[in-house]
PDB file of N, CA and C in Angstrom:
ATOM      1  N   UNK A   1     138.731  80.981  73.833  1.00  0.00           N
ATOM      2  CA  UNK A   1     137.870  79.761  73.814  1.00  0.00           C
ATOM      3  C   UNK A   1     136.693  80.109  72.881  1.00  0.00           C
ATOM      4  N   UNK A   2     136.419  79.180  72.159  1.00  0.00           N
ATOM      5  CA  UNK A   2     135.267  79.185  71.176  1.00  0.00           C
ATOM      6  C   UNK A   2     133.942  79.393  71.872  1.00  0.00           C
ATOM      7  N   UNK A   3     132.921  80.207  71.361  1.00  0.00           N
ATOM      8  CA  UNK A   3     131.846  80.456  72.019  1.00  0.00           C
ATOM      9  C   UNK A   3     130.948  79.135  72.301  1.00  0.00           C
ATOM     10  N   UNK A   4     131.190  78.147  71.332  1.00  0.00           N
ATOM     11  CA  UNK A   4     130.351  76.995  71.557  1.00  0.00           C
ATOM     12  C   UNK A   4     130.810  76.171  73.013  1.00  0.00           C
ATOM     13  N   UNK A   5     132.162  76.242  73.412  1.00  0.00           N
ATOM     14  CA  UNK A   5     132.363  75.741  74.619  1.00  0.00           C
ATOM     15  C   UNK A   5     132.064  76.470  75.790  1.00  0.00           C
ATOM     16  N   UNK A   6     131.861  77.620  75.764  1.00  0.00           N
ATOM     17  CA  UNK A   6     131.344  78.364  76.875  1.00  0.00           C
ATOM     18  C   UNK A   6     130.075  78.071  77.425  1.00  0.00           C
ATOM     19  N   UNK A   7     129.918  77.901  78.886  1.00  0.00           N
ATOM     20  CA  UNK A   7     128.628  77.581  79.371  1.00  0.00           C
ATOM     21  C   UNK A   7     127.739  78.805  79.381  1.00  0.00           C
ATOM     22  N   UNK A   8     126.495  78.697  79.052  1.00  0.00           N
ATOM     23  CA  UNK A   8     125.551  79.866  79.110  1.00  0.00           C
ATOM     24  C   UNK A   8     125.341  80.311  80.594  1.00  0.00           C
ATOM     25  N   UNK A   9     125.166  81.691  80.697  1.00  0.00           N
ATOM     26  CA  UNK A   9     125.034  82.013  82.048  1.00  0.00           C
ATOM     27  C   UNK A   9     123.753  81.344  82.919  1.00  0.00           C
ATOM     28  N   UNK A  10     122.685  81.061  82.071  1.00  0.00           N
ATOM     29  CA  UNK A  10     121.658  80.407  82.798  1.00  0.00           C
ATOM     30  C   UNK A  10     121.884  79.162  83.176  1.00  0.00           C
ATOM     31  N   UNK A  11     122.614  78.238  82.469  1.00  0.00           N
ATOM     32  CA  UNK A  11     123.066  77.117  82.803  1.00  0.00           C
ATOM     33  C   UNK A  11     124.082  77.055  84.092  1.00  0.00           C
ATOM     34  N   UNK A  12     124.852  78.179  84.113  1.00  0.00           N
ATOM     35  CA  UNK A  12     125.799  78.170  85.411  1.00  0.00           C
ATOM     36  C   UNK A  12     124.880  78.460  86.556  1.00  0.00           C
ATOM     37  N   UNK A  13     124.028  79.391  86.310  1.00  0.00           N
ATOM     38  CA  UNK A  13     122.912  79.540  87.517  1.00  0.00           C
ATOM     39  C   UNK A  13     122.129  78.307  87.969  1.00  0.00           C
ATOM     40  N   UNK A  14     121.825  77.576  86.960  1.00  0.00           N
ATOM     41  CA  UNK A  14     121.093  76.163  87.409  1.00  0.00           C
ATOM     42  C   UNK A  14     122.030  75.302  87.900  1.00  0.00           C
ATOM     43  N   UNK A  15     123.271  75.190  87.498  1.00  0.00           N
ATOM     44  CA  UNK A  15     124.296  74.317  87.999  1.00  0.00           C
ATOM     45  C   UNK A  15     124.389  74.692  89.767  1.00  0.00           C
ATOM     46  N   UNK A  16     124.597  76.019  89.742  1.00  0.00           N
ATOM     47  CA  UNK A  16     124.992  76.489  91.280  1.00  0.00           C
ATOM     48  C   UNK A  16     123.619  76.072  92.101  1.00  0.00           C
ATOM     49  N   UNK A  17     122.525  76.282  91.494  1.00  0.00           N
ATOM     50  CA  UNK A  17     121.239  75.872  92.277  1.00  0.00           C
ATOM     51  C   UNK A  17     121.109  74.359  92.738  1.00  0.00           C
ATOM     52  N   UNK A  18     121.346  73.557  91.604  1.00  0.00           N
ATOM     53  CA  UNK A  18     121.274  72.175  91.872  1.00  0.00           C
ATOM     54  C   UNK A  18     122.280  71.629  92.823  1.00  0.00           C
ATOM     55  N   UNK A  19     123.620  72.242  92.782  1.00  0.00           N
ATOM     56  CA  UNK A  19     124.540  71.727  93.515  1.00  0.00           C
ATOM     57  C   UNK A  19     124.234  72.092  95.021  1.00  0.00           C
ATOM     58  N   UNK A  20     123.634  73.324  95.241  1.00  0.00           N
ATOM     59  CA  UNK A  20     123.197  73.688  96.554  1.00  0.00           C
ATOM     60  C   UNK A  20     121.967  72.931  97.349  1.00  0.00           C
ATOM     61  N   UNK A  21     121.036  72.702  96.291  1.00  0.00           N
ATOM     62  CA  UNK A  21     119.992  71.826  96.518  1.00  0.00           C
ATOM     63  C   UNK A  21     120.324  70.344  96.983  1.00  0.00           C
ATOM     64  N   UNK A  22     121.219  69.866  96.195  1.00  0.00           N
ATOM     65  CA  UNK A  22     121.733  68.309  96.450  1.00  0.00           C
ATOM     66  C   UNK A  22     122.324  68.344  97.992  1.00  0.00           C
ATOM     67  N   UNK A  23     122.798  69.413  98.506  1.00  0.00           N
ATOM     68  CA  UNK A  23     123.404  69.405  99.940  1.00  0.00           C
ATOM     69  C   UNK A  23     122.486  69.407 101.066  1.00  0.00           C
ATOM     70  N   UNK A  24     121.239  69.578 100.747  1.00  0.00           N
ATOM     71  CA  UNK A  24     120.071  69.615 101.764  1.00  0.00           C
ATOM     72  C   UNK A  24     120.108  68.125 102.521  1.00  0.00           C
ATOM     73  N   UNK A  25     120.407  68.204 103.763  1.00  0.00           N
ATOM     74  CA  UNK A  25     120.263  66.682 104.101  1.00  0.00           C
ATOM     75  C   UNK A  25     118.857  66.175 104.491  1.00  0.00           C
ATOM     76  N   UNK A  26     118.655  64.957 104.410  1.00  0.00           N
ATOM     77  CA  UNK A  26     117.370  64.432 104.922  1.00  0.00           C
ATOM     78  C   UNK A  26     116.915  64.958 106.195  1.00  0.00           C
ATOM     79  N   UNK A  27     115.636  65.235 106.375  1.00  0.00           N
ATOM     80  CA  UNK A  27     114.789  65.731 107.642  1.00  0.00           C
ATOM     81  C   UNK A  27     114.996  67.208 107.750  1.00  0.00           C
ATOM     82  N   UNK A  28     115.711  67.982 106.746  1.00  0.00           N
ATOM     83  CA  UNK A  28     115.900  69.357 106.906  1.00  0.00           C
ATOM     84  C   UNK A  28     115.273  70.010 105.807  1.00  0.00           C
ATOM     85  N   UNK A  29     115.024  71.363 105.898  1.00  0.00           N
ATOM     86  CA  UNK A  29     114.378  72.132 104.722  1.00  0.00           C
ATOM     87  C   UNK A  29     115.068  73.450 104.844  1.00  0.00           C
ATOM     88  N   UNK A  30     114.793  73.937 103.526  1.00  0.00           N
ATOM     89  CA  UNK A  30     115.127  75.330 103.361  1.00  0.00           C
ATOM     90  C   UNK A  30     114.286  76.249 102.592  1.00  0.00           C
ATOM     91  N   UNK A  31     114.158  77.569 102.741  1.00  0.00           N
ATOM     92  CA  UNK A  31     113.285  78.338 101.851  1.00  0.00           C
ATOM     93  C   UNK A  31     113.712  78.599 100.489  1.00  0.00           C
ATOM     94  N   UNK A  32     112.986  78.896  99.633  1.00  0.00           N
ATOM     95  CA  UNK A  32     113.353  79.310  98.104  1.00  0.00           C
ATOM     96  C   UNK A  32     114.316  80.172  98.214  1.00  0.00           C
ATOM     97  N   UNK A  33     114.014  81.340  99.059  1.00  0.00           N
ATOM     98  CA  UNK A  33     115.225  82.451  99.255  1.00  0.00           C
ATOM     99  C   UNK A  33     116.296  81.998  99.693  1.00  0.00           C
ATOM    100  N   UNK A  34     116.456  81.064 100.744  1.00  0.00           N
ATOM    101  CA  UNK A  34     117.621  80.731 101.597  1.00  0.00           C
ATOM    102  C   UNK A  34     118.394  79.693 100.467  1.00  0.00           C
ATOM    103  N   UNK A  35     117.674  79.090  99.498  1.00  0.00           N
ATOM    104  CA  UNK A  35     118.534  78.161  98.638  1.00  0.00           C
ATOM    105  C   UNK A  35     119.175  79.092  97.492  1.00  0.00           C
ATOM    106  N   UNK A  36     118.274  80.132  97.176  1.00  0.00           N
ATOM    107  CA  UNK A  36     119.052  81.014  96.244  1.00  0.00           C
ATOM    108  C   UNK A  36     120.209  81.808  97.009  1.00  0.00           C
ATOM    109  N   UNK A  37     120.110  82.078  98.063  1.00  0.00           N
ATOM    110  CA  UNK A  37     121.362  82.559  98.772  1.00  0.00           C
ATOM    111  C   UNK A  37     122.514  81.526  98.941  1.00  0.00           C
ATOM    112  N   UNK A  38     122.197  80.456  99.115  1.00  0.00           N
ATOM    113  CA  UNK A  38     123.151  79.422  99.500  1.00  0.00           C
ATOM    114  C   UNK A  38     123.654  79.042  98.052  1.00  0.00           C
ATOM    115  N   UNK A  39     123.062  79.262  96.880  1.00  0.00           N
ATOM    116  CA  UNK A  39     123.761  79.043  95.707  1.00  0.00           C
ATOM    117  C   UNK A  39     124.480  80.314  94.943  1.00  0.00           C
ATOM    118  N   UNK A  40     124.506  81.402  95.656  1.00  0.00           N
ATOM    119  CA  UNK A  40     125.085  82.642  95.475  1.00  0.00           C
ATOM    120  C   UNK A  40     124.223  83.356  94.340  1.00  0.00           C
ATOM    121  N   UNK A  41     122.967  83.054  94.343  1.00  0.00           N
ATOM    122  CA  UNK A  41     122.042  83.843  93.431  1.00  0.00           C
ATOM    123  C   UNK A  41     121.476  85.002  94.157  1.00  0.00           C
ATOM    124  N   UNK A  42     121.629  85.463  95.266  1.00  0.00           N
ATOM    125  CA  UNK A  42     121.072  86.683  95.774  1.00  0.00           C
ATOM    126  C   UNK A  42     119.539  86.306  95.998  1.00  0.00           C
ATOM    127  N   UNK A  43     118.950  87.485  95.680  1.00  0.00           N
ATOM    128  CA  UNK A  43     117.350  87.380  96.097  1.00  0.00           C
ATOM    129  C   UNK A  43     116.715  86.768  94.814  1.00  0.00           C
ATOM    130  N   UNK A  44     116.635  85.509  94.550  1.00  0.00           N
ATOM    131  CA  UNK A  44     116.044  84.722  93.364  1.00  0.00           C
ATOM    132  C   UNK A  44     115.269  83.932  93.764  1.00  0.00           C
ATOM    133  N   UNK A  45     114.436  84.077  94.769  1.00  0.00           N
ATOM    134  CA  UNK A  45     113.442  83.066  95.351  1.00  0.00           C
ATOM    135  C   UNK A  45     112.426  82.555  94.259  1.00  0.00           C
ATOM    136  N   UNK A  46     111.798  83.500  93.404  1.00  0.00           N
ATOM    137  CA  UNK A  46     110.935  83.147  92.483  1.00  0.00           C
ATOM    138  C   UNK A  46     111.551  82.272  91.405  1.00  0.00           C
ATOM    139  N   UNK A  47     112.591  82.789  91.089  1.00  0.00           N
ATOM    140  CA  UNK A  47     113.522  81.923  89.926  1.00  0.00           C
ATOM    141  C   UNK A  47     113.860  80.583  90.388  1.00  0.00           C
ATOM    142  N   UNK A  48     114.142  80.384  91.739  1.00  0.00           N
ATOM    143  CA  UNK A  48     114.343  79.111  92.100  1.00  0.00           C
ATOM    144  C   UNK A  48     113.205  78.296  91.951  1.00  0.00           C
ATOM    145  N   UNK A  49     112.110  78.822  92.535  1.00  0.00           N
ATOM    146  CA  UNK A  49     110.565  78.002  92.413  1.00  0.00           C
ATOM    147  C   UNK A  49     110.311  77.592  90.925  1.00  0.00           C
ATOM    148  N   UNK A  50     110.667  78.508  90.177  1.00  0.00           N
ATOM    149  CA  UNK A  50     110.400  78.298  88.835  1.00  0.00           C
ATOM    150  C   UNK A  50     111.183  77.095  88.284  1.00  0.00           C
ATOM    151  N   UNK A  51     112.495  77.271  88.483  1.00  0.00           N
ATOM    152  CA  UNK A  51     113.410  76.100  88.115  1.00  0.00           C
ATOM    153  C   UNK A  51     113.081  74.668  88.643  1.00  0.00           C
ATOM    154  N   UNK A  52     112.821  74.741  90.047  1.00  0.00           N
ATOM    155  CA  UNK A  52     112.334  73.543  90.708  1.00  0.00           C
ATOM    156  C   UNK A  52     110.979  72.944  90.082  1.00  0.00           C
ATOM    157  N   UNK A  53     110.233  73.753  89.466  1.00  0.00           N
ATOM    158  CA  UNK A  53     109.041  73.194  88.890  1.00  0.00           C
ATOM    159  C   UNK A  53     109.184  72.628  87.805  1.00  0.00           C
ATOM    160  N   UNK A  54     110.269  72.802  86.990  1.00  0.00           N
ATOM    161  CA  UNK A  54     110.776  72.267  85.767  1.00  0.00           C
ATOM    162  C   UNK A  54     111.620  71.159  85.687  1.00  0.00           C
ATOM    163  N   UNK A  55     111.970  70.770  87.075  1.00  0.00           N
ATOM    164  CA  UNK A  55     112.720  69.526  87.132  1.00  0.00           C
ATOM    165  C   UNK A  55     112.018  68.289  86.456  1.00  0.00           C
ATOM    166  N   UNK A  56     112.906  67.332  85.933  1.00  0.00           N
ATOM    167  CA  UNK A  56     112.143  66.077  85.529  1.00  0.00           C
ATOM    168  C   UNK A  56     111.531  65.397  86.547  1.00  0.00           C
ATOM    169  N   UNK A  57     110.428  64.628  86.172  1.00  0.00           N
ATOM    170  CA  UNK A  57     109.808  63.830  87.226  1.00  0.00           C
ATOM    171  C   UNK A  57     110.591  62.796  88.093  1.00  0.00           C
ATOM    172  N   UNK A  58     111.673  62.292  87.297  1.00  0.00           N
ATOM    173  CA  UNK A  58     112.539  61.278  87.849  1.00  0.00           C
ATOM    174  C   UNK A  58     113.680  61.832  88.464  1.00  0.00           C
ATOM    175  N   UNK A  59     113.963  63.078  88.763  1.00  0.00           N
ATOM    176  CA  UNK A  59     115.133  63.776  89.447  1.00  0.00           C
ATOM    177  C   UNK A  59     115.478  63.030  90.757  1.00  0.00           C
ATOM    178  N   UNK A  60     116.746  62.995  90.978  1.00  0.00           N
ATOM    179  CA  UNK A  60     116.893  62.553  92.267  1.00  0.00           C
ATOM    180  C   UNK A  60     117.310  63.695  93.178  1.00  0.00           C
ATOM    181  N   UNK A  61     117.204  64.914  92.661  1.00  0.00           N
ATOM    182  CA  UNK A  61     117.424  66.136  93.627  1.00  0.00           C
ATOM    183  C   UNK A  61     116.198  66.228  94.588  1.00  0.00           C
ATOM    184  N   UNK A  62     116.686  66.755  95.968  1.00  0.00           N
ATOM    185  CA  UNK A  62     115.665  66.706  96.921  1.00  0.00           C
ATOM    186  C   UNK A  62     114.789  67.976  96.959  1.00  0.00           C
ATOM    187  N   UNK A  63     113.930  68.017  95.725  1.00  0.00           N
ATOM    188  CA  UNK A  63     113.162  69.340  95.707  1.00  0.00           C
ATOM    189  C   UNK A  63     112.013  69.389  96.708  1.00  0.00           C
ATOM    190  N   UNK A  64     111.630  68.373  97.336  1.00  0.00           N
ATOM    191  CA  UNK A  64     110.709  68.395  98.290  1.00  0.00           C
ATOM    192  C   UNK A  64     111.134  69.037  99.721  1.00  0.00           C
ATOM    193  N   UNK A  65     112.311  69.326  99.778  1.00  0.00           N
ATOM    194  CA  UNK A  65     113.035  69.741 101.013  1.00  0.00           C
ATOM    195  C   UNK A  65     112.993  71.358 100.648  1.00  0.00           C
ATOM    196  N   UNK A  66     112.428  71.982  99.694  1.00  0.00           N
ATOM    197  CA  UNK A  66     112.330  73.485  99.674  1.00  0.00           C
ATOM    198  C   UNK A  66     110.891  73.841  99.866  1.00  0.00           C
ATOM    199  N   UNK A  67     110.763  74.945 100.706  1.00  0.00           N
ATOM    200  CA  UNK A  67     109.461  75.416 101.261  1.00  0.00           C
ATOM    201  C   UNK A  67     109.551  76.690 101.047  1.00  0.00           C
ATOM    202  N   UNK A  68     108.203  77.454 101.224  1.00  0.00           N
ATOM    203  CA  UNK A  68     108.246  78.843 101.227  1.00  0.00           C
ATOM    204  C   UNK A  68     108.535  79.359 102.698  1.00  0.00           C
ATOM    205  N   UNK A  69     108.740  80.711 102.705  1.00  0.00           N
ATOM    206  CA  UNK A  69     109.233  81.378 103.924  1.00  0.00           C
ATOM    207  C   UNK A  69     108.233  80.974 105.111  1.00  0.00           C
ATOM    208  N   UNK A  70     108.769  80.885 106.328  1.00  0.00           N
ATOM    209  CA  UNK A  70     108.069  80.723 107.418  1.00  0.00           C
ATOM    210  C   UNK A  70     107.578  79.435 107.549  1.00  0.00           C
ATOM    211  N   UNK A  71     108.115  78.378 106.904  1.00  0.00           N
ATOM    212  CA  UNK A  71     107.807  76.931 107.134  1.00  0.00           C
ATOM    213  C   UNK A  71     106.488  76.630 106.371  1.00  0.00           C
ATOM    214  N   UNK A  72     105.919  77.436 105.406  1.00  0.00           N
ATOM    215  CA  UNK A  72     104.726  77.053 104.665  1.00  0.00           C
ATOM    216  C   UNK A  72     104.846  76.284 103.286  1.00  0.00           C
ATOM    217  N   UNK A  73     104.093  75.291 103.270  1.00  0.00           N
ATOM    218  CA  UNK A  73     104.200  74.434 101.834  1.00  0.00           C
ATOM    219  C   UNK A  73     103.598  75.277 100.816  1.00  0.00           C
ATOM    220  N   UNK A  74     104.271  75.568  99.688  1.00  0.00           N
ATOM    221  CA  UNK A  74     103.605  76.374  98.515  1.00  0.00           C
ATOM    222  C   UNK A  74     102.893  75.439  97.648  1.00  0.00           C
ATOM    223  N   UNK A  75     103.159  74.119  97.655  1.00  0.00           N
ATOM    224  CA  UNK A  75     102.462  73.154  96.668  1.00  0.00           C
ATOM    225  C   UNK A  75     101.179  72.693  97.400  1.00  0.00           C
ATOM    226  N   UNK A  76     100.068  72.798  96.855  1.00  0.00           N
ATOM    227  CA  UNK A  76      98.754  72.669  97.400  1.00  0.00           C
ATOM    228  C   UNK A  76      98.543  71.197  97.633  1.00  0.00           C
ATOM    229  N   UNK A  77      97.974  70.679  98.850  1.00  0.00           N
ATOM    230  CA  UNK A  77      97.610  69.635  99.006  1.00  0.00           C
ATOM    231  C   UNK A  77      96.585  69.153  98.215  1.00  0.00           C
ATOM    232  N   UNK A  78      96.443  67.765  97.657  1.00  0.00           N
ATOM    233  CA  UNK A  78      95.552  67.374  96.677  1.00  0.00           C
ATOM    234  C   UNK A  78      96.111  67.447  95.182  1.00  0.00           C
ATOM    235  N   UNK A  79      97.051  68.169  95.227  1.00  0.00           N
ATOM    236  CA  UNK A  79      97.829  68.362  93.809  1.00  0.00           C
ATOM    237  C   UNK A  79      99.013  67.060  93.687  1.00  0.00           C
ATOM    238  N   UNK A  80      99.139  66.480  92.549  1.00  0.00           N
ATOM    239  CA  UNK A  80     100.037  65.393  92.584  1.00  0.00           C
ATOM    240  C   UNK A  80     101.514  65.950  93.169  1.00  0.00           C
ATOM    241  N   UNK A  81     101.949  66.991  92.972  1.00  0.00           N
ATOM    242  CA  UNK A  81     103.294  67.457  93.428  1.00  0.00           C
ATOM    243  C   UNK A  81     103.256  67.827  94.927  1.00  0.00           C
ATOM    244  N   UNK A  82     102.178  68.416  95.397  1.00  0.00           N
ATOM    245  CA  UNK A  82     101.913  68.768  96.724  1.00  0.00           C
ATOM    246  C   UNK A  82     101.890  67.331  97.697  1.00  0.00           C
ATOM    247  N   UNK A  83     101.000  66.389  97.165  1.00  0.00           N
ATOM    248  CA  UNK A  83     100.991  65.140  97.834  1.00  0.00           C
ATOM    249  C   UNK A  83     102.158  64.424  97.891  1.00  0.00           C
ATOM    250  N   UNK A  84     103.111  64.363  96.743  1.00  0.00           N
ATOM    251  CA  UNK A  84     104.386  63.698  96.704  1.00  0.00           C
ATOM    252  C   UNK A  84     105.164  64.492  97.879  1.00  0.00           C
ATOM    253  N   UNK A  85     105.344  65.901  97.698  1.00  0.00           N
ATOM    254  CA  UNK A  85     106.220  66.588  98.654  1.00  0.00           C
ATOM    255  C   UNK A  85     105.820  66.204 100.149  1.00  0.00           C
ATOM    256  N   UNK A  86     104.416  66.080 100.588  1.00  0.00           N
ATOM    257  CA  UNK A  86     104.108  65.899 101.798  1.00  0.00           C
ATOM    258  C   UNK A  86     104.645  64.483 102.232  1.00  0.00           C
ATOM    259  N   UNK A  87     104.276  63.524 101.392  1.00  0.00           N
ATOM    260  CA  UNK A  87     104.761  62.203 101.350  1.00  0.00           C
ATOM    261  C   UNK A  87     106.326  61.950 101.689  1.00  0.00           C
ATOM    262  N   UNK A  88     106.994  62.515 100.777  1.00  0.00           N
ATOM    263  CA  UNK A  88     108.567  62.515 101.114  1.00  0.00           C
ATOM    264  C   UNK A  88     108.828  63.155 102.438  1.00  0.00           C
ATOM    265  N   UNK A  89     108.335  64.385 102.899  1.00  0.00           N
ATOM    266  CA  UNK A  89     108.593  64.876 103.919  1.00  0.00           C
ATOM    267  C   UNK A  89     108.401  63.893 105.311  1.00  0.00           C
ATOM    268  N   UNK A  90     107.155  63.473 105.044  1.00  0.00           N
ATOM    269  CA  UNK A  90     106.722  62.518 106.211  1.00  0.00           C
ATOM    270  C   UNK A  90     107.793  61.445 106.454  1.00  0.00           C
ATOM    271  N   UNK A  91     108.257  60.915 105.224  1.00  0.00           N
ATOM    272  CA  UNK A  91     109.215  59.794 105.318  1.00  0.00           C
ATOM    273  C   UNK A  91     110.496  60.114 105.948  1.00  0.00           C
ATOM    274  N   UNK A  92     110.742  61.417 105.787  1.00  0.00           N
ATOM    275  CA  UNK A  92     112.065  61.979 106.567  1.00  0.00           C
ATOM    276  C   UNK A  92     111.620  62.388 108.130  1.00  0.00           C
ATOM    277  N   UNK A  93     110.559  62.094 108.470  1.00  0.00           N
ATOM    278  CA  UNK A  93     110.365  62.617 109.734  1.00  0.00           C
ATOM    279  C   UNK A  93     109.894  63.964 110.112  1.00  0.00           C
ATOM    280  N   UNK A  94     109.219  64.673 108.982  1.00  0.00           N
ATOM    281  CA  UNK A  94     109.001  65.998 109.185  1.00  0.00           C
ATOM    282  C   UNK A  94     107.434  65.895 109.088  1.00  0.00           C
ATOM    283  N   UNK A  95     106.874  66.338 110.211  1.00  0.00           N
ATOM    284  CA  UNK A  95     105.458  66.436 110.231  1.00  0.00           C
ATOM    285  C   UNK A  95     104.770  67.808 109.686  1.00  0.00           C
ATOM    286  N   UNK A  96     103.867  67.720 108.716  1.00  0.00           N
ATOM    287  CA  UNK A  96     103.261  68.893 108.201  1.00  0.00           C
ATOM    288  C   UNK A  96     101.756  68.938 108.737  1.00  0.00           C
ATOM    289  N   UNK A  97     101.350  70.084 109.215  1.00  0.00           N
ATOM    290  CA  UNK A  97     100.040  70.315 109.802  1.00  0.00           C
ATOM    291  C   UNK A  97      99.515  71.534 109.342  1.00  0.00           C
ATOM    292  N   UNK A  98      98.254  71.591 108.511  1.00  0.00           N
ATOM    293  CA  UNK A  98      97.911  72.723 108.038  1.00  0.00           C
ATOM    294  C   UNK A  98      98.720  73.447 106.943  1.00  0.00           C
ATOM    295  N   UNK A  99      99.418  72.668 106.282  1.00  0.00           N
ATOM    296  CA  UNK A  99     100.243  73.128 105.218  1.00  0.00           C
ATOM    297  C   UNK A  99     101.430  73.771 105.699  1.00  0.00           C
ATOM    298  N   UNK A 100     101.776  73.545 106.940  1.00  0.00           N
ATOM    299  CA  UNK A 100     102.971  74.089 107.387  1.00  0.00           C
ATOM    300  C   UNK A 100     103.815  73.064 108.341  1.00  0.00           C
ATOM    301  N   UNK A 101     105.012  73.424 108.427  1.00  0.00           N
ATOM    302  CA  UNK A 101     106.140  72.529 109.366  1.00  0.00           C
ATOM    303  C   UNK A 101     106.807  73.396 110.125  1.00  0.00           C
ATOM    304  N   UNK A 102     107.411  72.946 111.163  1.00  0.00           N
ATOM    305  CA  UNK A 102     108.250  73.578 112.053  1.00  0.00           C
ATOM    306  C   UNK A 102     109.631  74.003 111.675  1.00  0.00           C
ATOM    307  N   UNK A 103     109.763  75.086 110.979  1.00  0.00           N
ATOM    308  CA  UNK A 103     110.936  75.727 110.517  1.00  0.00           C
ATOM    309  C   UNK A 103     111.934  75.817 111.430  1.00  0.00           C
ATOM    310  N   UNK A 104     111.798  76.012 112.666  1.00  0.00           N
ATOM    311  CA  UNK A 104     112.736  76.044 113.628  1.00  0.00           C
ATOM    312  C   UNK A 104     113.387  74.729 113.841  1.00  0.00           C
ATOM    313  N   UNK A 105     112.529  73.610 113.977  1.00  0.00           N
ATOM    314  CA  UNK A 105     112.926  72.360 114.202  1.00  0.00           C
ATOM    315  C   UNK A 105     113.675  71.800 112.943  1.00  0.00           C
ATOM    316  N   UNK A 106     113.135  72.185 111.862  1.00  0.00           N
ATOM    317  CA  UNK A 106     113.572  71.158 110.653  1.00  0.00           C
ATOM    318  C   UNK A 106     114.416  72.028 109.692  1.00  0.00           C
ATOM    319  N   UNK A 107     114.596  73.432 110.007  1.00  0.00           N
ATOM    320  CA  UNK A 107     115.274  74.117 108.954  1.00  0.00           C
ATOM    321  C   UNK A 107     116.707  73.770 108.974  1.00  0.00           C
ATOM    322  N   UNK A 108     117.298  73.934 107.967  1.00  0.00           N
ATOM    323  CA  UNK A 108     118.798  73.681 107.743  1.00  0.00           C
ATOM    324  C   UNK A 108     119.504  75.086 107.471  1.00  0.00           C
ATOM    325  N   UNK A 109     120.689  75.187 108.360  1.00  0.00           N
ATOM    326  CA  UNK A 109     121.597  76.064 108.296  1.00  0.00           C
ATOM    327  C   UNK A 109     122.961  75.711 107.957  1.00  0.00           C
ATOM    328  N   UNK A 110     123.588  75.567 106.883  1.00  0.00           N
ATOM    329  CA  UNK A 110     124.806  75.196 106.720  1.00  0.00           C
ATOM    330  C   UNK A 110     125.841  75.812 107.621  1.00  0.00           C
ATOM    331  N   UNK A 111     126.784  74.998 108.176  1.00  0.00           N
ATOM    332  CA  UNK A 111     127.715  75.661 108.865  1.00  0.00           C
ATOM    333  C   UNK A 111     127.507  75.655 110.484  1.00  0.00           C
ATOM    334  N   UNK A 112     126.258  75.499 110.591  1.00  0.00           N
ATOM    335  CA  UNK A 112     125.901  75.652 112.222  1.00  0.00           C
ATOM    336  C   UNK A 112     126.075  74.252 112.767  1.00  0.00           C
ATOM    337  N   UNK A 113     126.163  74.206 114.207  1.00  0.00           N
ATOM    338  CA  UNK A 113     126.523  73.010 114.792  1.00  0.00           C
ATOM    339  C   UNK A 113     125.378  72.268 114.702  1.00  0.00           C
ATOM    340  N   UNK A 114     124.109  72.680 114.664  1.00  0.00           N
ATOM    341  CA  UNK A 114     122.802  71.741 114.639  1.00  0.00           C
ATOM    342  C   UNK A 114     122.632  71.124 113.302  1.00  0.00           C
ATOM    343  N   UNK A 115     123.464  71.461 112.226  1.00  0.00           N
ATOM    344  CA  UNK A 115     123.172  70.657 111.149  1.00  0.00           C
ATOM    345  C   UNK A 115     122.444  71.425 110.100  1.00  0.00           C
TER     346      UNK A 115
END
């Protein structure tokens, strides 16, 4: 196979990340670390955060459903991205208070009965 037709390893990682991200259902959230694990990327939470911060503004991927561990929002209130995340989560029925949300109620665990 010619080198030009082989996919770069970073592109493969990004593709796996985007595929896992696309599966998070409305009204559910995952942490950066959980998303890395679901994408088969191991312990790559920071890398996930960096990739999500580089998504195009008009992306259809549900980046707003990815939060920090323990239900904390990592994007600050008052920032354009932080305000957009809070608006999108609220539109999906997820209440945010004090920069946090109820991870037990809204956390997504693929393969579990609760969704």
